[in-house]
Amino acid sequence: MFNVPEVTPEEAKKMLEEEKDKVILLDVRTPPEHFQLRIPNSMLIPLDDLRFKLNELPKDKKYIVYCRSGERSAFATYALRHMGYEAYNLAGGIISWPYEKESGA
């Protein structure tokens, strides 16, 4: 497993509320997973596409990265930090997120 900075769901929620213009919630799961269930206002960039989409991610933002359980997002967080981004892995992924979720279209 990668050693990357993690935030708990509670810490992530606080960051999103207090720094909403500076924090981006990044979902690195597949489009079908994102469509089925997601955290509101999250940006989808599947892990396999991340290296091709870095130009879409401003470096002056903080990123909270999530997947289903935290493994893919740990890898994405590691990669983003190596590229100079301030990124944090959401501990436990969306399955540990006790707050609002969206599903479907």
Protein backbone atom coordinates (compact mmCIF):
# COMPACT_ATOMS: atom_id res chain seq x y z
CA MET A 1 0.00 0.00 0.00
CA PHE A 2 1.14 3.55 -0.67
CA ASN A 3 1.95 5.86 2.21
CA VAL A 4 -0.16 8.89 1.38
CA PRO A 5 -1.89 11.53 3.50
CA GLU A 6 -5.43 10.52 4.34
CA VAL A 7 -8.44 12.41 5.60
CA THR A 8 -11.36 10.86 7.43
CA PRO A 9 -14.87 11.45 6.07
CA GLU A 10 -15.39 13.96 8.90
CA GLU A 11 -12.20 15.87 8.01
CA ALA A 12 -13.11 15.80 4.31
CA LYS A 13 -16.62 17.14 4.98
CA LYS A 14 -15.15 19.96 7.08
CA MET A 15 -12.63 20.85 4.34
CA LEU A 16 -15.40 20.86 1.72
CA GLU A 17 -17.58 23.14 3.84
CA GLU A 18 -14.90 25.54 5.07
CA GLU A 19 -12.78 25.76 1.92
CA LYS A 20 -15.39 24.96 -0.74
CA ASP A 21 -13.78 27.13 -3.43
CA LYS A 22 -10.36 25.58 -2.84
CA VAL A 23 -11.19 21.88 -2.53
CA ILE A 24 -12.12 19.47 -5.31
CA LEU A 25 -13.59 16.06 -4.62
CA LEU A 26 -12.10 13.70 -7.20
CA ASP A 27 -13.70 10.32 -7.95
CA VAL A 28 -11.25 7.93 -9.64
CA ARG A 29 -13.70 5.04 -10.13
CA THR A 30 -15.21 3.97 -13.46
CA PRO A 31 -18.08 5.89 -15.11
CA PRO A 32 -20.63 3.11 -14.29
CA GLU A 33 -19.58 3.18 -10.62
CA HIS A 34 -19.86 6.99 -10.56
CA PHE A 35 -23.28 6.90 -12.22
CA GLN A 36 -24.56 4.29 -9.77
CA LEU A 37 -23.47 6.15 -6.60
CA ARG A 38 -21.34 9.22 -5.95
CA ILE A 39 -20.64 11.98 -3.48
CA PRO A 40 -22.43 15.17 -4.66
CA ASN A 41 -20.36 17.68 -6.66
CA SER A 42 -17.49 15.28 -7.25
CA MET A 43 -15.44 15.35 -10.44
CA LEU A 44 -15.00 12.03 -12.23
CA ILE A 45 -11.64 11.15 -13.72
CA PRO A 46 -11.16 7.36 -13.78
CA LEU A 47 -7.78 6.23 -12.48
CA ASP A 48 -6.82 4.85 -15.90
CA ASP A 49 -7.41 8.30 -17.47
CA LEU A 50 -5.80 10.43 -14.77
CA ARG A 51 -2.41 10.82 -16.43
CA PHE A 52 -4.10 12.13 -19.60
CA LYS A 53 -6.30 14.64 -17.74
CA LEU A 54 -3.80 16.38 -15.47
CA ASN A 55 -4.15 19.54 -17.57
CA GLU A 56 -7.80 19.73 -16.35
CA LEU A 57 -6.71 19.90 -12.71
CA PRO A 58 -5.62 23.32 -11.42
CA LYS A 59 -2.58 23.13 -9.17
CA ASP A 60 -3.90 25.84 -6.83
CA LYS A 61 -6.65 23.54 -5.49
CA LYS A 62 -6.64 20.82 -2.85
CA TYR A 63 -7.91 17.40 -3.91
CA ILE A 64 -9.76 14.84 -1.84
CA VAL A 65 -9.53 11.66 -3.88
CA TYR A 66 -11.93 8.76 -3.45
CA CYS A 67 -12.87 5.41 -4.92
CA ARG A 68 -14.95 2.55 -3.52
CA SER A 69 -12.76 1.52 -0.59
CA GLY A 70 -9.61 3.68 -0.74
CA GLU A 71 -7.12 1.59 -2.71
CA ARG A 72 -7.37 3.13 -6.19
CA SER A 73 -7.63 6.57 -4.64
CA ALA A 74 -4.45 5.94 -2.60
CA PHE A 75 -2.63 5.21 -5.86
CA ALA A 76 -4.13 8.33 -7.50
CA THR A 77 -3.24 10.46 -4.46
CA TYR A 78 0.33 9.18 -4.58
CA ALA A 79 0.58 10.00 -8.30
CA LEU A 80 -0.96 13.47 -7.89
CA ARG A 81 1.38 14.35 -5.03
CA HIS A 82 4.34 13.27 -7.17
CA MET A 83 3.13 15.70 -9.83
CA GLY A 84 3.01 18.59 -7.37
CA TYR A 85 -0.66 18.55 -6.35
CA GLU A 86 -1.95 18.85 -2.81
CA ALA A 87 -3.98 15.64 -2.64
CA TYR A 88 -5.46 13.57 0.17
CA ASN A 89 -6.93 10.09 0.09
CA LEU A 90 -10.44 9.71 1.53
CA ALA A 91 -9.98 6.98 4.14
CA GLY A 92 -12.28 4.04 3.43
CA GLY A 93 -13.61 5.44 0.15
CA ILE A 94 -17.27 6.06 -0.61
CA ILE A 95 -18.33 3.01 1.42
CA SER A 96 -17.22 4.82 4.58
CA TRP A 97 -18.84 8.16 3.59
CA PRO A 98 -21.76 8.64 6.01
CA TYR A 99 -23.02 11.84 4.42
CA GLU A 100 -25.14 12.67 1.38
CA LYS A 101 -24.77 10.51 -1.74
CA GLU A 102 -26.35 10.73 -5.19
CA SER A 103 -27.35 7.94 -7.53
CA GLY A 104 -28.46 7.70 -11.15
CA ALA A 105 -28.64 10.60 -13.58
